[in-house]
Amino acid sequence: MEEDLGRAALGGFIDASVATTVGLMLPEPTIGEQGTPEGGDLIFNKGGGLTDPVGLFLSYLQGAPISHNAIAISSTQQADSHVKGNGTRIRNIDFNRQGRLVKWSGSGNQKFVALAVQYGKDNAFKYWLGPKREICSTFIGRVASETGLSTPGFSPASQYYNIQGIQFYNTYGVRER
């Protein structure tokens, strides 16, 4: 039994690594090429390769080529929880970074945007796991749940695939169906 579990884990890791590598190599439009974001849109960023080692590591950890997500609070700004920002913050959207802009049910939802702005200004929640600490996807999940919306999934990749309506998704290396 342990041998079977070991083989399954290795097979899952190899499968996720291949899928991530292919996904990172495929060209994608940047956020700016996909249209102008509006408040409430979810922005999913692709791992930045060798110039973004943290994003690259997170992409492989998730088993999908998505390393970060944020809430657009206007056409030019986003709120997110980021390792480089010492917690939740508001910053300019990087239109040149490879990423995916996803129109979602939060688009135009003023309560969703207001909570994202409030938490971004509070800067109260630090990036990573632990008491009063959260990662980008749990920040988005908390804002959505307090607004009465839903973003199923724990990682940026799982939230992205669920919003797209894809049946399976990866959450930190574990494929769920």
Protein backbone atom coordinates (compact mmCIF):
# COMPACT_ATOMS: atom_id res chain seq x y z
CA MET A 1 0.00 0.00 0.00
CA GLU A 2 2.77 2.48 0.92
CA GLU A 3 4.54 1.63 -2.33
CA ASP A 4 1.37 2.40 -4.30
CA LEU A 5 0.96 5.73 -2.50
CA GLY A 6 4.60 6.59 -3.22
CA ARG A 7 4.18 5.81 -6.92
CA ALA A 8 0.96 7.84 -7.05
CA ALA A 9 2.65 10.81 -5.35
CA LEU A 10 5.63 10.66 -7.72
CA GLY A 11 3.34 10.33 -10.72
CA GLY A 12 1.28 13.31 -9.55
CA PHE A 13 4.43 15.40 -9.04
CA ILE A 14 5.75 14.54 -12.51
CA ASP A 15 2.36 15.23 -14.11
CA ALA A 16 2.04 18.59 -12.32
CA SER A 17 5.63 19.55 -13.20
CA VAL A 18 5.12 18.82 -16.89
CA ALA A 19 1.81 20.72 -16.95
CA THR A 20 3.39 23.69 -15.17
CA THR A 21 6.43 23.76 -17.46
CA VAL A 22 4.27 23.67 -20.60
CA GLY A 23 1.92 26.31 -19.18
CA LEU A 24 4.79 28.64 -18.33
CA MET A 25 6.28 28.26 -21.82
CA LEU A 26 3.05 29.05 -23.68
CA PRO A 27 2.75 32.70 -24.73
CA GLU A 28 -0.15 34.63 -23.25
CA PRO A 29 -1.44 38.15 -23.63
CA THR A 30 -0.60 40.55 -20.83
CA ILE A 31 -3.35 41.95 -18.67
CA GLY A 32 -3.40 45.20 -20.66
CA GLU A 33 -3.94 43.37 -23.95
CA GLN A 34 -7.08 41.70 -22.62
CA GLY A 35 -8.99 44.90 -21.99
CA THR A 36 -9.28 47.36 -19.16
CA PRO A 37 -9.98 45.89 -15.72
CA GLU A 38 -12.88 47.20 -13.68
CA GLY A 39 -13.28 47.16 -9.93
CA GLY A 40 -14.08 43.65 -8.71
CA ASP A 41 -12.31 41.78 -11.52
CA LEU A 42 -9.90 39.12 -10.38
CA ILE A 43 -6.38 39.27 -11.78
CA PHE A 44 -4.35 36.05 -11.98
CA ASN A 45 -0.62 36.37 -12.69
CA LYS A 46 1.55 33.79 -14.36
CA GLY A 47 4.88 32.79 -12.78
CA GLY A 48 7.56 35.15 -14.03
CA GLY A 49 10.24 32.56 -14.78
CA LEU A 50 13.85 33.10 -13.75
CA THR A 51 13.25 36.81 -13.10
CA ASP A 52 10.55 35.90 -10.55
CA PRO A 53 11.91 32.96 -8.52
CA VAL A 54 9.16 33.19 -5.88
CA GLY A 55 6.44 33.12 -8.56
CA LEU A 56 8.19 30.25 -10.32
CA PHE A 57 8.41 28.26 -7.07
CA LEU A 58 4.71 28.91 -6.30
CA SER A 59 3.73 27.83 -9.81
CA TYR A 60 5.49 24.49 -9.36
CA LEU A 61 4.14 24.11 -5.83
CA GLN A 62 0.59 24.52 -7.14
CA GLY A 63 1.15 22.38 -10.24
CA ALA A 64 -0.20 25.11 -12.53
CA PRO A 65 1.34 28.19 -14.19
CA ILE A 66 -0.38 30.70 -11.89
CA SER A 67 1.59 32.26 -9.07
CA HIS A 68 -0.49 35.14 -7.69
CA ASN A 69 -3.92 36.76 -7.73
CA ALA A 70 -5.37 40.14 -6.81
CA ILE A 71 -8.60 42.15 -6.83
CA ALA A 72 -8.82 45.04 -9.28
CA ILE A 73 -10.20 48.01 -7.32
CA SER A 74 -10.14 50.31 -10.36
CA SER A 75 -8.86 50.25 -13.93
CA THR A 76 -5.32 50.96 -12.68
CA GLN A 77 -5.04 49.68 -9.09
CA GLN A 78 -5.32 46.36 -7.29
CA ALA A 79 -5.48 45.13 -3.70
CA ASP A 80 -3.58 42.00 -2.79
CA SER A 81 -1.55 40.23 -0.16
CA HIS A 82 2.00 39.98 -1.43
CA VAL A 83 5.24 38.65 0.00
CA LYS A 84 7.10 41.77 -1.18
CA GLY A 85 4.62 44.19 0.35
CA ASN A 86 4.68 43.17 4.03
CA GLY A 87 1.01 42.30 3.93
CA THR A 88 -2.18 43.37 2.24
CA ARG A 89 -1.77 46.54 0.22
CA ILE A 90 -2.99 48.64 -2.66
CA ARG A 91 -0.67 49.05 -5.63
CA ASN A 92 -0.70 49.80 -9.34
CA ILE A 93 -1.65 47.01 -11.72
CA ASP A 94 1.39 45.94 -13.73
CA PHE A 95 -0.05 45.81 -17.25
CA ASN A 96 3.23 44.48 -18.70
CA ARG A 97 3.49 41.45 -16.44
CA GLN A 98 2.28 38.22 -17.99
CA GLY A 99 -1.06 37.45 -16.46
CA ARG A 100 -4.69 36.66 -16.89
CA LEU A 101 -7.49 39.09 -16.22
CA VAL A 102 -10.61 37.14 -15.32
CA LYS A 103 -14.02 38.77 -15.41
CA TRP A 104 -15.84 37.32 -12.42
CA SER A 105 -19.09 37.81 -10.52
CA GLY A 106 -17.32 40.41 -8.35
CA SER A 107 -16.98 42.75 -11.35
CA GLY A 108 -18.65 46.05 -10.50
CA ASN A 109 -19.64 44.82 -7.01
CA GLN A 110 -19.05 47.95 -4.89
CA LYS A 111 -19.10 46.12 -1.54
CA PHE A 112 -16.44 43.67 -2.80
CA VAL A 113 -14.25 46.57 -3.98
CA ALA A 114 -14.83 48.58 -0.78
CA LEU A 115 -13.75 45.68 1.46
CA ALA A 116 -10.65 45.07 -0.69
CA VAL A 117 -9.75 48.76 -0.40
CA GLN A 118 -10.38 48.79 3.36
CA TYR A 119 -8.20 45.74 4.00
CA GLY A 120 -5.56 47.08 1.61
CA LYS A 121 -5.36 50.33 3.57
CA ASP A 122 -5.44 48.57 6.96
CA ASN A 123 -2.43 46.47 5.92
CA ALA A 124 -3.32 44.36 8.93
CA PHE A 125 -2.86 40.92 7.44
CA LYS A 126 0.67 39.73 6.71
CA TYR A 127 1.61 37.42 3.87
CA TRP A 128 1.98 33.74 4.74
CA LEU A 129 0.16 31.25 6.91
CA GLY A 130 -0.41 31.54 10.63
CA PRO A 131 -2.52 33.65 13.00
CA LYS A 132 -3.72 36.85 11.30
CA ARG A 133 -1.59 36.02 8.25
CA GLU A 134 -2.80 35.09 4.83
CA ILE A 135 -1.72 34.48 1.28
CA CYS A 136 -3.14 36.19 -1.81
CA SER A 137 -5.84 33.58 -2.46
CA THR A 138 -7.05 33.49 1.17
CA PHE A 139 -7.22 37.31 1.14
CA ILE A 140 -9.47 37.14 -1.92
CA GLY A 141 -11.50 34.31 -0.40
CA ARG A 142 -12.05 36.29 2.82
CA VAL A 143 -13.14 39.45 1.00
CA ALA A 144 -15.46 37.41 -1.24
CA SER A 145 -17.04 35.47 1.63
CA GLU A 146 -17.65 38.66 3.64
CA THR A 147 -19.39 40.08 0.57
CA GLY A 148 -21.54 36.96 0.08
CA LEU A 149 -19.64 35.81 -3.01
CA SER A 150 -17.61 32.64 -3.45
CA THR A 151 -14.13 31.84 -4.74
CA PRO A 152 -13.75 28.09 -4.24
CA GLY A 153 -10.19 26.89 -3.78
CA PHE A 154 -7.23 27.64 -1.54
CA SER A 155 -4.59 28.56 -4.10
CA PRO A 156 -4.60 31.06 -7.00
CA ALA A 157 -4.57 28.10 -9.42
CA SER A 158 -7.57 26.39 -7.83
CA GLN A 159 -9.55 29.66 -7.75
CA TYR A 160 -8.68 30.34 -11.40
CA TYR A 161 -9.74 26.87 -12.59
CA ASN A 162 -12.96 26.91 -10.58
CA ILE A 163 -13.93 30.36 -11.91
CA GLN A 164 -13.25 29.06 -15.43
CA GLY A 165 -15.55 26.11 -14.74
CA ILE A 166 -12.85 23.48 -15.24
CA GLN A 167 -13.71 20.23 -13.45
CA PHE A 168 -10.37 19.53 -11.81
CA TYR A 169 -7.82 21.86 -10.34
CA ASN A 170 -4.57 21.73 -8.41
CA THR A 171 -4.16 22.99 -4.87
CA TYR A 172 -0.51 23.05 -3.83
CA GLY A 173 0.43 19.88 -5.64
CA VAL A 174 -2.74 17.90 -4.86
CA ARG A 175 -5.05 17.34 -7.82
CA GLU A 176 -8.69 17.36 -6.81
CA ARG A 177 -11.72 16.27 -8.85
